Amino acid sequence: MIIIKYLGKTVKGYLRRYQNVPPKCEESCPDCHGKLYKHGRYFRFVITVKAITKIPIYRRFCPSCGKTFSLLPDFLYPYIVHSGWILQKVWILRYLKGKSYYRIQSAIFSNETGGISYKTIKRWDSLWRIKKESLIHLLMYHLVDIHPTEIDFRQIKPLTDEQTLIYLLPKTWKFFHSTTPYPFYGFFNWINQLMNKI
């Protein structure tokens, strides 16, 4: 099982802090709320625009229920090797700019790491379509609960689901992270954390 959390903004930042030292055990078990203990690590690759990097993924074990969890940095999606920044760029090109899969392929090609196949982009599209409705409901629920007059439903009505997400994300961020500027070029990391709870 996976726990997604903030462990640094970038791959380089993550490696600076956790190359050989695991993050502190601050979480409780998501299932039984028992205490989690360090439980080794494994390695996986992450693809950014400029490099393919091997990073450690640390594990936690809950003796109460016997489950093991992997601590995944929020710039990585479960079972996807590309970084959140690349996924975000694809999402913007697809949903906000209306680009085809083939045009997206051309736009995100990198000399250092190569390209991404049409089928991979299509698979990401399917993944987002499954989750987007639940994510919109989650954001609306929290926003209406905290600040009922913040959403102008007349503005949302003509929007697509993807445009609605772009409308809701900065508003919700403002209430949950009031002292931190909205990370326009990193909002996918936050979405990743939210989607893991759906």
N, C-alpha and C. Protein backbone atom coordinates (compact mmCIF):
# COMPACT_ATOMS: atom_id res chain seq x y z
N MET A 1 0.84 -1.18 0.00
CA MET A 1 0.00 0.00 0.00
C MET A 1 0.89 1.25 0.00
N ILE A 2 0.27 2.38 -0.34
CA ILE A 2 1.06 3.60 -0.57
C ILE A 2 0.55 4.76 0.28
N ILE A 3 1.48 5.51 0.85
CA ILE A 3 1.19 6.79 1.50
C ILE A 3 1.90 7.86 0.68
N ILE A 4 1.14 8.83 0.15
CA ILE A 4 1.73 9.91 -0.65
C ILE A 4 1.84 11.15 0.23
N LYS A 5 3.03 11.74 0.28
CA LYS A 5 3.20 12.94 1.10
C LYS A 5 4.29 13.84 0.52
N TYR A 6 4.30 15.07 0.98
CA TYR A 6 5.32 16.02 0.54
C TYR A 6 6.66 15.63 1.16
N LEU A 7 7.64 15.39 0.30
CA LEU A 7 8.99 15.05 0.75
C LEU A 7 10.03 15.85 -0.03
N GLY A 8 9.66 17.03 -0.46
CA GLY A 8 10.55 17.88 -1.25
C GLY A 8 9.91 18.26 -2.56
N LYS A 9 10.23 19.44 -3.07
CA LYS A 9 9.62 19.94 -4.30
C LYS A 9 10.10 19.21 -5.54
N THR A 10 11.36 18.79 -5.53
CA THR A 10 11.96 18.21 -6.73
C THR A 10 12.68 16.91 -6.39
N VAL A 11 13.06 16.20 -7.44
CA VAL A 11 13.84 14.97 -7.26
C VAL A 11 15.16 15.30 -6.58
N LYS A 12 15.83 16.37 -7.03
CA LYS A 12 17.11 16.76 -6.43
C LYS A 12 16.94 17.09 -4.95
N GLY A 13 15.88 17.82 -4.62
CA GLY A 13 15.63 18.17 -3.22
C GLY A 13 15.36 16.92 -2.38
N TYR A 14 14.62 15.99 -2.94
CA TYR A 14 14.33 14.74 -2.25
C TYR A 14 15.62 13.97 -1.97
N LEU A 15 16.48 13.87 -2.98
CA LEU A 15 17.73 13.13 -2.82
C LEU A 15 18.67 13.80 -1.82
N ARG A 16 18.67 15.14 -1.81
CA ARG A 16 19.51 15.85 -0.84
C ARG A 16 19.13 15.47 0.59
N ARG A 17 17.85 15.30 0.83
CA ARG A 17 17.38 15.03 2.19
C ARG A 17 17.32 13.54 2.52
N TYR A 18 16.97 12.70 1.52
CA TYR A 18 16.64 11.32 1.83
C TYR A 18 17.43 10.28 1.03
N GLN A 19 18.55 10.68 0.47
CA GLN A 19 19.37 9.72 -0.29
C GLN A 19 19.72 8.51 0.57
N ASN A 20 20.16 8.77 1.80
CA ASN A 20 20.57 7.68 2.70
C ASN A 20 19.90 7.74 4.06
N VAL A 21 19.03 8.73 4.27
CA VAL A 21 18.37 8.90 5.56
C VAL A 21 16.86 8.89 5.35
N PRO A 22 16.13 7.99 5.98
CA PRO A 22 14.68 7.94 5.77
C PRO A 22 13.96 9.12 6.43
N PRO A 23 12.79 9.49 5.90
CA PRO A 23 11.98 10.53 6.57
C PRO A 23 11.57 10.05 7.95
N LYS A 24 11.24 10.99 8.84
CA LYS A 24 10.79 10.63 10.18
C LYS A 24 9.46 9.89 10.10
N CYS A 25 9.25 8.99 11.06
CA CYS A 25 8.00 8.22 11.14
C CYS A 25 6.95 9.05 11.88
N GLU A 26 6.27 9.93 11.16
CA GLU A 26 5.28 10.79 11.80
C GLU A 26 3.86 10.30 11.55
N GLU A 27 3.66 9.44 10.55
CA GLU A 27 2.33 8.98 10.19
C GLU A 27 1.89 7.83 11.08
N SER A 28 0.57 7.71 11.21
CA SER A 28 0.02 6.50 11.81
C SER A 28 -0.55 5.65 10.68
N CYS A 29 -0.86 4.42 10.96
CA CYS A 29 -1.36 3.51 9.93
C CYS A 29 -2.69 4.05 9.37
N PRO A 30 -2.81 4.19 8.05
CA PRO A 30 -4.06 4.69 7.47
C PRO A 30 -5.24 3.76 7.71
N ASP A 31 -4.98 2.49 8.00
CA ASP A 31 -6.07 1.54 8.19
C ASP A 31 -6.50 1.39 9.65
N CYS A 32 -5.53 1.15 10.54
CA CYS A 32 -5.90 0.90 11.94
C CYS A 32 -5.40 1.98 12.90
N HIS A 33 -4.67 2.96 12.37
CA HIS A 33 -4.12 4.09 13.15
C HIS A 33 -3.05 3.66 14.17
N GLY A 34 -2.50 2.46 13.97
CA GLY A 34 -1.40 2.02 14.82
C GLY A 34 -0.11 2.74 14.45
N LYS A 35 0.90 2.58 15.29
CA LYS A 35 2.19 3.23 15.05
C LYS A 35 2.93 2.52 13.94
N LEU A 36 3.53 3.32 13.03
CA LEU A 36 4.31 2.76 11.93
C LEU A 36 5.79 2.78 12.27
N TYR A 37 6.50 1.76 11.80
CA TYR A 37 7.93 1.65 12.05
C TYR A 37 8.69 1.56 10.72
N LYS A 38 9.93 2.01 10.74
CA LYS A 38 10.77 1.93 9.54
C LYS A 38 10.89 0.47 9.11
N HIS A 39 10.88 0.28 7.78
CA HIS A 39 10.85 -1.09 7.27
C HIS A 39 11.64 -1.21 5.96
N GLY A 40 12.84 -0.61 5.94
CA GLY A 40 13.71 -0.75 4.78
C GLY A 40 13.34 0.20 3.65
N ARG A 41 13.85 -0.11 2.47
CA ARG A 41 13.59 0.72 1.30
C ARG A 41 13.79 -0.11 0.05
N TYR A 42 13.29 0.43 -1.07
CA TYR A 42 13.58 -0.13 -2.38
C TYR A 42 13.87 1.05 -3.30
N PHE A 43 14.31 0.77 -4.50
CA PHE A 43 14.67 1.85 -5.43
C PHE A 43 13.78 1.81 -6.66
N ARG A 44 13.49 2.98 -7.19
CA ARG A 44 12.74 3.07 -8.44
C ARG A 44 13.24 4.27 -9.23
N PHE A 45 12.93 4.29 -10.50
CA PHE A 45 13.36 5.38 -11.37
C PHE A 45 12.26 6.42 -11.50
N VAL A 46 12.69 7.67 -11.67
CA VAL A 46 11.77 8.75 -11.96
C VAL A 46 12.31 9.52 -13.16
N ILE A 47 11.42 9.81 -14.11
CA ILE A 47 11.81 10.54 -15.31
C ILE A 47 11.35 11.99 -15.20
N THR A 48 12.30 12.90 -15.30
CA THR A 48 11.99 14.32 -15.37
C THR A 48 12.29 14.77 -16.79
N VAL A 49 12.21 16.07 -17.04
CA VAL A 49 12.47 16.56 -18.40
C VAL A 49 13.93 16.34 -18.78
N LYS A 50 14.84 16.44 -17.82
CA LYS A 50 16.27 16.42 -18.14
C LYS A 50 17.02 15.16 -17.72
N ALA A 51 16.38 14.27 -16.97
CA ALA A 51 17.15 13.12 -16.48
C ALA A 51 16.25 11.96 -16.08
N ILE A 52 16.88 10.78 -16.04
CA ILE A 52 16.24 9.59 -15.46
C ILE A 52 17.06 9.26 -14.22
N THR A 53 16.41 9.32 -13.07
CA THR A 53 17.13 9.23 -11.80
C THR A 53 16.60 8.09 -10.95
N LYS A 54 17.53 7.38 -10.31
CA LYS A 54 17.16 6.30 -9.39
C LYS A 54 17.04 6.89 -7.98
N ILE A 55 15.90 6.68 -7.34
CA ILE A 55 15.71 7.23 -5.99
C ILE A 55 15.25 6.14 -5.02
N PRO A 56 15.55 6.31 -3.73
CA PRO A 56 15.06 5.35 -2.74
C PRO A 56 13.61 5.65 -2.35
N ILE A 57 12.82 4.61 -2.16
CA ILE A 57 11.47 4.75 -1.64
C ILE A 57 11.45 4.00 -0.31
N TYR A 58 11.14 4.71 0.75
CA TYR A 58 11.19 4.13 2.09
C TYR A 58 9.86 3.48 2.45
N ARG A 59 9.96 2.45 3.28
CA ARG A 59 8.78 1.67 3.65
C ARG A 59 8.50 1.78 5.14
N ARG A 60 7.25 1.58 5.49
CA ARG A 60 6.80 1.58 6.88
C ARG A 60 5.99 0.31 7.13
N PHE A 61 6.08 -0.19 8.36
CA PHE A 61 5.37 -1.41 8.72
C PHE A 61 4.50 -1.16 9.95
N CYS A 62 3.27 -1.65 9.91
CA CYS A 62 2.36 -1.54 11.05
C CYS A 62 2.23 -2.92 11.71
N PRO A 63 2.81 -3.10 12.91
CA PRO A 63 2.71 -4.41 13.57
C PRO A 63 1.29 -4.73 14.04
N SER A 64 0.45 -3.70 14.20
CA SER A 64 -0.92 -3.93 14.68
C SER A 64 -1.76 -4.68 13.65
N CYS A 65 -1.66 -4.27 12.37
CA CYS A 65 -2.47 -4.94 11.35
C CYS A 65 -1.62 -5.72 10.34
N GLY A 66 -0.29 -5.62 10.47
CA GLY A 66 0.60 -6.41 9.63
C GLY A 66 0.79 -5.88 8.22
N LYS A 67 0.36 -4.63 7.95
CA LYS A 67 0.48 -4.08 6.61
C LYS A 67 1.76 -3.27 6.44
N THR A 68 2.26 -3.28 5.21
CA THR A 68 3.46 -2.52 4.86
C THR A 68 3.06 -1.41 3.89
N PHE A 69 3.64 -0.22 4.08
CA PHE A 69 3.33 0.94 3.27
C PHE A 69 4.60 1.53 2.68
N SER A 70 4.48 2.03 1.45
CA SER A 70 5.59 2.76 0.82
C SER A 70 5.32 4.25 0.93
N LEU A 71 6.34 5.03 1.33
CA LEU A 71 6.21 6.49 1.40
C LEU A 71 6.61 7.07 0.06
N LEU A 72 5.63 7.48 -0.71
CA LEU A 72 5.89 7.98 -2.06
C LEU A 72 5.90 9.51 -2.04
N PRO A 73 6.99 10.14 -2.54
CA PRO A 73 6.97 11.61 -2.61
C PRO A 73 5.88 12.07 -3.56
N ASP A 74 5.24 13.21 -3.26
CA ASP A 74 4.06 13.60 -4.03
C ASP A 74 4.36 14.05 -5.45
N PHE A 75 5.65 14.12 -5.84
CA PHE A 75 5.94 14.40 -7.25
C PHE A 75 5.91 13.13 -8.08
N LEU A 76 5.61 11.99 -7.45
CA LEU A 76 5.47 10.72 -8.17
C LEU A 76 4.07 10.16 -8.00
N TYR A 77 3.50 9.66 -9.09
CA TYR A 77 2.23 8.97 -9.03
C TYR A 77 2.50 7.48 -8.84
N PRO A 78 1.60 6.78 -8.15
CA PRO A 78 1.78 5.33 -8.02
C PRO A 78 1.87 4.65 -9.38
N TYR A 79 2.90 3.84 -9.55
CA TYR A 79 3.10 3.01 -10.74
C TYR A 79 3.36 3.81 -12.02
N ILE A 80 3.71 5.08 -11.90
CA ILE A 80 4.06 5.89 -13.06
C ILE A 80 5.47 6.44 -12.84
N VAL A 81 6.35 6.29 -13.83
CA VAL A 81 7.74 6.70 -13.65
C VAL A 81 7.98 8.18 -13.96
N HIS A 82 7.07 8.81 -14.68
CA HIS A 82 7.26 10.22 -15.02
C HIS A 82 6.88 11.12 -13.84
N SER A 83 7.61 12.23 -13.70
CA SER A 83 7.37 13.13 -12.58
C SER A 83 6.06 13.89 -12.74
N GLY A 84 5.56 14.42 -11.62
CA GLY A 84 4.33 15.18 -11.63
C GLY A 84 4.37 16.38 -12.56
N TRP A 85 5.55 16.98 -12.73
CA TRP A 85 5.66 18.15 -13.61
C TRP A 85 5.32 17.77 -15.05
N ILE A 86 5.79 16.61 -15.50
CA ILE A 86 5.49 16.15 -16.86
C ILE A 86 3.99 15.84 -16.99
N LEU A 87 3.42 15.16 -15.99
CA LEU A 87 2.00 14.85 -16.02
C LEU A 87 1.17 16.13 -16.06
N GLN A 88 1.60 17.12 -15.29
CA GLN A 88 0.89 18.39 -15.27
C GLN A 88 0.94 19.08 -16.63
N LYS A 89 2.10 19.05 -17.26
CA LYS A 89 2.24 19.67 -18.58
C LYS A 89 1.32 19.00 -19.59
N VAL A 90 1.26 17.66 -19.54
CA VAL A 90 0.38 16.91 -20.44
C VAL A 90 -1.08 17.28 -20.17
N TRP A 91 -1.45 17.37 -18.90
CA TRP A 91 -2.82 17.70 -18.50
C TRP A 91 -3.22 19.08 -19.04
N ILE A 92 -2.32 20.05 -18.91
CA ILE A 92 -2.60 21.42 -19.40
C ILE A 92 -2.75 21.41 -20.92
N LEU A 93 -1.84 20.73 -21.60
CA LEU A 93 -1.90 20.68 -23.07
C LEU A 93 -3.17 19.99 -23.55
N ARG A 94 -3.58 18.95 -22.85
CA ARG A 94 -4.74 18.17 -23.27
C ARG A 94 -6.05 18.90 -22.98
N TYR A 95 -6.20 19.38 -21.74
CA TYR A 95 -7.50 19.86 -21.31
C TYR A 95 -7.70 21.37 -21.40
N LEU A 96 -6.63 22.12 -21.21
CA LEU A 96 -6.78 23.57 -21.28
C LEU A 96 -6.48 24.11 -22.66
N LYS A 97 -5.60 23.42 -23.40
CA LYS A 97 -5.24 23.89 -24.73
C LYS A 97 -5.81 23.01 -25.84
N GLY A 98 -6.45 21.89 -25.46
CA GLY A 98 -7.15 21.05 -26.44
C GLY A 98 -6.26 20.36 -27.45
N LYS A 99 -5.02 20.04 -27.08
CA LYS A 99 -4.08 19.40 -28.01
C LYS A 99 -4.37 17.90 -28.14
N SER A 100 -4.09 17.35 -29.30
CA SER A 100 -4.25 15.91 -29.53
C SER A 100 -3.10 15.16 -28.87
N TYR A 101 -3.25 13.84 -28.74
CA TYR A 101 -2.19 13.02 -28.16
C TYR A 101 -0.89 13.16 -28.96
N TYR A 102 -1.02 13.22 -30.28
CA TYR A 102 0.19 13.31 -31.12
C TYR A 102 0.90 14.65 -30.94
N ARG A 103 0.13 15.73 -30.81
CA ARG A 103 0.77 17.05 -30.59
C ARG A 103 1.42 17.12 -29.22
N ILE A 104 0.80 16.46 -28.25
CA ILE A 104 1.38 16.43 -26.90
C ILE A 104 2.71 15.67 -26.94
N GLN A 105 2.74 14.57 -27.68
CA GLN A 105 3.98 13.81 -27.84
C GLN A 105 5.13 14.71 -28.30
N SER A 106 4.86 15.52 -29.30
CA SER A 106 5.89 16.41 -29.85
C SER A 106 6.29 17.48 -28.85
N ALA A 107 5.31 18.00 -28.11
CA ALA A 107 5.56 19.11 -27.19
C ALA A 107 6.41 18.71 -25.99
N ILE A 108 6.31 17.45 -25.58
CA ILE A 108 7.04 17.06 -24.36
C ILE A 108 8.27 16.20 -24.65
N PHE A 109 8.65 16.10 -25.91
CA PHE A 109 9.87 15.35 -26.24
C PHE A 109 11.09 16.05 -25.65
N SER A 110 12.01 15.27 -25.12
CA SER A 110 13.24 15.81 -24.54
C SER A 110 14.44 15.06 -25.10
N ASN A 111 15.48 15.78 -25.47
CA ASN A 111 16.70 15.13 -25.98
C ASN A 111 17.35 14.24 -24.92
N GLU A 112 17.21 14.64 -23.65
CA GLU A 112 17.85 13.89 -22.56
C GLU A 112 17.11 12.60 -22.22
N THR A 113 15.79 12.64 -22.23
CA THR A 113 15.03 11.48 -21.76
C THR A 113 14.12 10.86 -22.83
N GLY A 114 14.09 11.46 -24.02
CA GLY A 114 13.28 10.90 -25.10
C GLY A 114 11.84 11.38 -25.05
N GLY A 115 10.96 10.59 -25.62
CA GLY A 115 9.56 10.97 -25.70
C GLY A 115 8.67 10.04 -24.92
N ILE A 116 7.36 10.27 -25.03
CA ILE A 116 6.36 9.46 -24.37
C ILE A 116 5.40 8.95 -25.44
N SER A 117 5.07 7.70 -25.37
CA SER A 117 4.24 7.11 -26.42
C SER A 117 2.80 7.61 -26.36
N TYR A 118 2.16 7.53 -27.51
CA TYR A 118 0.74 7.87 -27.65
C TYR A 118 -0.09 7.06 -26.65
N LYS A 119 0.20 5.75 -26.54
CA LYS A 119 -0.57 4.87 -25.66
C LYS A 119 -0.43 5.26 -24.19
N THR A 120 0.77 5.73 -23.81
CA THR A 120 0.99 6.15 -22.43
C THR A 120 0.15 7.38 -22.11
N ILE A 121 0.16 8.35 -23.01
CA ILE A 121 -0.63 9.57 -22.79
C ILE A 121 -2.12 9.23 -22.72
N LYS A 122 -2.55 8.32 -23.57
CA LYS A 122 -3.96 7.89 -23.57
C LYS A 122 -4.31 7.20 -22.25
N ARG A 123 -3.38 6.41 -21.74
CA ARG A 123 -3.60 5.72 -20.46
C ARG A 123 -3.72 6.72 -19.31
N TRP A 124 -2.87 7.77 -19.32
CA TRP A 124 -2.98 8.82 -18.30
C TRP A 124 -4.33 9.51 -18.39
N ASP A 125 -4.78 9.76 -19.61
CA ASP A 125 -6.07 10.40 -19.84
C ASP A 125 -7.19 9.57 -19.19
N SER A 126 -7.13 8.26 -19.37
CA SER A 126 -8.15 7.37 -18.78
C SER A 126 -8.10 7.42 -17.26
N LEU A 127 -6.90 7.45 -16.69
CA LEU A 127 -6.73 7.51 -15.25
C LEU A 127 -7.38 8.78 -14.68
N TRP A 128 -7.13 9.92 -15.32
CA TRP A 128 -7.69 11.19 -14.84
C TRP A 128 -9.21 11.21 -14.97
N ARG A 129 -9.72 10.63 -16.05
CA ARG A 129 -11.18 10.64 -16.26
C ARG A 129 -11.90 9.85 -15.16
N ILE A 130 -11.26 8.80 -14.68
CA ILE A 130 -11.84 7.99 -13.61
C ILE A 130 -11.92 8.79 -12.31
N LYS A 131 -10.89 9.60 -12.04
CA LYS A 131 -10.77 10.28 -10.75
C LYS A 131 -11.36 11.69 -10.71
N LYS A 132 -11.51 12.34 -11.85
CA LYS A 132 -11.78 13.78 -11.84
C LYS A 132 -13.10 14.15 -11.15
N GLU A 133 -14.16 13.36 -11.36
CA GLU A 133 -15.44 13.70 -10.75
C GLU A 133 -15.36 13.64 -9.23
N SER A 134 -14.71 12.60 -8.71
CA SER A 134 -14.54 12.47 -7.25
C SER A 134 -13.69 13.61 -6.70
N LEU A 135 -12.67 14.01 -7.47
CA LEU A 135 -11.79 15.10 -7.02
C LEU A 135 -12.55 16.43 -6.98
N ILE A 136 -13.37 16.70 -7.98
CA ILE A 136 -14.19 17.92 -8.00
C ILE A 136 -15.13 17.94 -6.79
N HIS A 137 -15.78 16.82 -6.52
CA HIS A 137 -16.69 16.74 -5.37
C HIS A 137 -15.94 16.96 -4.06
N LEU A 138 -14.75 16.39 -3.94
CA LEU A 138 -13.94 16.55 -2.73
C LEU A 138 -13.59 18.02 -2.51
N LEU A 139 -13.12 18.70 -3.56
CA LEU A 139 -12.75 20.11 -3.45
C LEU A 139 -13.97 20.97 -3.12
N MET A 140 -15.08 20.73 -3.79
CA MET A 140 -16.31 21.50 -3.54
C MET A 140 -16.79 21.29 -2.10
N TYR A 141 -16.76 20.06 -1.65
CA TYR A 141 -17.21 19.74 -0.30
C TYR A 141 -16.40 20.53 0.73
N HIS A 142 -15.08 20.49 0.60
CA HIS A 142 -14.23 21.19 1.56
C HIS A 142 -14.41 22.70 1.47
N LEU A 143 -14.51 23.21 0.26
CA LEU A 143 -14.63 24.65 0.07
C LEU A 143 -15.96 25.18 0.60
N VAL A 144 -17.05 24.49 0.29
CA VAL A 144 -18.37 24.91 0.77
C VAL A 144 -18.45 24.78 2.29
N ASP A 145 -17.80 23.77 2.84
CA ASP A 145 -17.80 23.57 4.28
C ASP A 145 -17.07 24.70 5.00
N ILE A 146 -15.97 25.17 4.43
CA ILE A 146 -15.16 26.21 5.07
C ILE A 146 -15.67 27.62 4.74
N HIS A 147 -16.02 27.84 3.47
CA HIS A 147 -16.41 29.17 3.02
C HIS A 147 -17.54 29.04 1.98
N PRO A 148 -18.79 28.94 2.45
CA PRO A 148 -19.92 28.64 1.55
C PRO A 148 -20.13 29.61 0.39
N THR A 149 -19.69 30.85 0.54
CA THR A 149 -19.94 31.83 -0.53
C THR A 149 -18.77 31.97 -1.51
N GLU A 150 -17.74 31.16 -1.34
CA GLU A 150 -16.54 31.30 -2.17
C GLU A 150 -16.76 30.84 -3.62
N ILE A 151 -17.64 29.87 -3.83
CA ILE A 151 -17.87 29.33 -5.18
C ILE A 151 -19.02 30.08 -5.84
N ASP A 152 -18.76 30.58 -7.04
CA ASP A 152 -19.80 31.19 -7.86
C ASP A 152 -20.26 30.13 -8.86
N PHE A 153 -21.38 29.49 -8.58
CA PHE A 153 -21.84 28.37 -9.40
C PHE A 153 -22.25 28.82 -10.80
N ARG A 154 -22.54 30.09 -10.97
CA ARG A 154 -22.84 30.60 -12.32
C ARG A 154 -21.59 30.56 -13.20
N GLN A 155 -20.41 30.79 -12.58
CA GLN A 155 -19.15 30.72 -13.34
C GLN A 155 -18.79 29.27 -13.69
N ILE A 156 -19.11 28.35 -12.79
CA ILE A 156 -18.74 26.94 -12.99
C ILE A 156 -19.63 26.26 -14.03
N LYS A 157 -20.88 26.64 -14.10
CA LYS A 157 -21.86 25.93 -14.94
C LYS A 157 -21.39 25.69 -16.38
N PRO A 158 -20.83 26.69 -17.09
CA PRO A 158 -20.43 26.42 -18.48
C PRO A 158 -19.06 25.74 -18.64
N LEU A 159 -18.36 25.50 -17.54
CA LEU A 159 -17.00 24.97 -17.62
C LEU A 159 -16.98 23.46 -17.80
N THR A 160 -15.91 22.97 -18.42
CA THR A 160 -15.66 21.52 -18.46
C THR A 160 -15.18 21.09 -17.07
N ASP A 161 -15.13 19.79 -16.84
CA ASP A 161 -14.63 19.29 -15.55
C ASP A 161 -13.21 19.77 -15.29
N GLU A 162 -12.37 19.74 -16.34
CA GLU A 162 -10.96 20.13 -16.17
C GLU A 162 -10.85 21.63 -15.86
N GLN A 163 -11.66 22.45 -16.52
CA GLN A 163 -11.66 23.88 -16.23
C GLN A 163 -12.20 24.16 -14.83
N THR A 164 -13.17 23.35 -14.40
CA THR A 164 -13.71 23.48 -13.05
C THR A 164 -12.63 23.20 -12.01
N LEU A 165 -11.80 22.19 -12.28
CA LEU A 165 -10.69 21.90 -11.36
C LEU A 165 -9.74 23.09 -11.25
N ILE A 166 -9.41 23.70 -12.39
CA ILE A 166 -8.52 24.86 -12.38
C ILE A 166 -9.16 26.02 -11.62
N TYR A 167 -10.47 26.14 -11.69
CA TYR A 167 -11.20 27.18 -10.95
C TYR A 167 -11.16 26.90 -9.45
N LEU A 168 -11.34 25.63 -9.06
CA LEU A 168 -11.46 25.26 -7.65
C LEU A 168 -10.13 25.17 -6.91
N LEU A 169 -9.08 24.69 -7.61
CA LEU A 169 -7.81 24.41 -6.92
C LEU A 169 -7.23 25.62 -6.19
N PRO A 170 -7.06 26.79 -6.85
CA PRO A 170 -6.47 27.91 -6.11
C PRO A 170 -7.35 28.42 -4.98
N LYS A 171 -8.67 28.32 -5.14
CA LYS A 171 -9.58 28.76 -4.08
C LYS A 171 -9.46 27.85 -2.86
N THR A 172 -9.40 26.54 -3.10
CA THR A 172 -9.28 25.61 -1.99
C THR A 172 -7.90 25.73 -1.34
N TRP A 173 -6.88 25.88 -2.17
CA TRP A 173 -5.51 26.03 -1.65
C TRP A 173 -5.43 27.22 -0.69
N LYS A 174 -6.10 28.31 -1.04
CA LYS A 174 -6.04 29.54 -0.23
C LYS A 174 -6.46 29.30 1.21
N PHE A 175 -7.42 28.40 1.42
CA PHE A 175 -7.91 28.14 2.77
C PHE A 175 -7.10 27.10 3.52
N PHE A 176 -6.55 26.13 2.79
CA PHE A 176 -5.77 25.08 3.45
C PHE A 176 -4.30 25.43 3.61
N HIS A 177 -3.81 26.35 2.76
CA HIS A 177 -2.40 26.74 2.79
C HIS A 177 -2.29 28.26 2.73
N SER A 178 -2.90 28.93 3.68
CA SER A 178 -3.04 30.39 3.62
C SER A 178 -1.71 31.14 3.61
N THR A 179 -0.65 30.53 4.13
CA THR A 179 0.64 31.23 4.19
C THR A 179 1.58 30.84 3.05
N THR A 180 1.11 29.95 2.15
CA THR A 180 1.96 29.48 1.05
C THR A 180 1.36 29.88 -0.28
N PRO A 181 2.13 30.52 -1.17
CA PRO A 181 1.60 30.89 -2.50
C PRO A 181 1.13 29.66 -3.27
N TYR A 182 0.08 29.83 -4.06
CA TYR A 182 -0.45 28.72 -4.85
C TYR A 182 0.58 28.24 -5.87
N PRO A 183 0.90 26.96 -5.87
CA PRO A 183 1.99 26.45 -6.74
C PRO A 183 1.50 26.11 -8.14
N PHE A 184 1.29 27.11 -8.99
CA PHE A 184 0.71 26.85 -10.30
C PHE A 184 1.50 25.80 -11.07
N TYR A 185 2.84 25.81 -10.94
CA TYR A 185 3.64 24.84 -11.67
C TYR A 185 3.87 23.57 -10.86
N GLY A 186 3.12 23.43 -9.76
CA GLY A 186 3.26 22.22 -8.97
C GLY A 186 1.95 21.74 -8.39
N PHE A 187 0.82 22.20 -8.96
CA PHE A 187 -0.45 21.83 -8.38
C PHE A 187 -0.73 20.34 -8.50
N PHE A 188 -0.08 19.67 -9.45
CA PHE A 188 -0.32 18.24 -9.61
C PHE A 188 0.16 17.45 -8.41
N ASN A 189 1.18 17.93 -7.74
CA ASN A 189 1.65 17.25 -6.53
C ASN A 189 0.56 17.24 -5.47
N TRP A 190 -0.11 18.36 -5.33
CA TRP A 190 -1.20 18.45 -4.36
C TRP A 190 -2.37 17.57 -4.79
N ILE A 191 -2.71 17.59 -6.08
CA ILE A 191 -3.78 16.73 -6.59
C ILE A 191 -3.43 15.26 -6.31
N ASN A 192 -2.17 14.92 -6.46
CA ASN A 192 -1.73 13.55 -6.22
C ASN A 192 -2.04 13.12 -4.79
N GLN A 193 -1.77 14.02 -3.83
CA GLN A 193 -2.07 13.72 -2.44
C GLN A 193 -3.58 13.56 -2.23
N LEU A 194 -4.36 14.44 -2.85
CA LEU A 194 -5.81 14.38 -2.70
C LEU A 194 -6.38 13.12 -3.33
N MET A 195 -5.89 12.78 -4.54
CA MET A 195 -6.41 11.61 -5.25
C MET A 195 -6.13 10.32 -4.49
N ASN A 196 -5.04 10.30 -3.74
CA ASN A 196 -4.70 9.10 -2.98
C ASN A 196 -5.72 8.85 -1.87
N LYS A 197 -6.47 9.90 -1.49
CA LYS A 197 -7.46 9.75 -0.41
C LYS A 197 -8.84 9.41 -0.92
N ILE A 198 -9.00 9.45 -2.26
CA ILE A 198 -10.33 9.18 -2.83
C ILE A 198 -10.57 7.68 -2.92
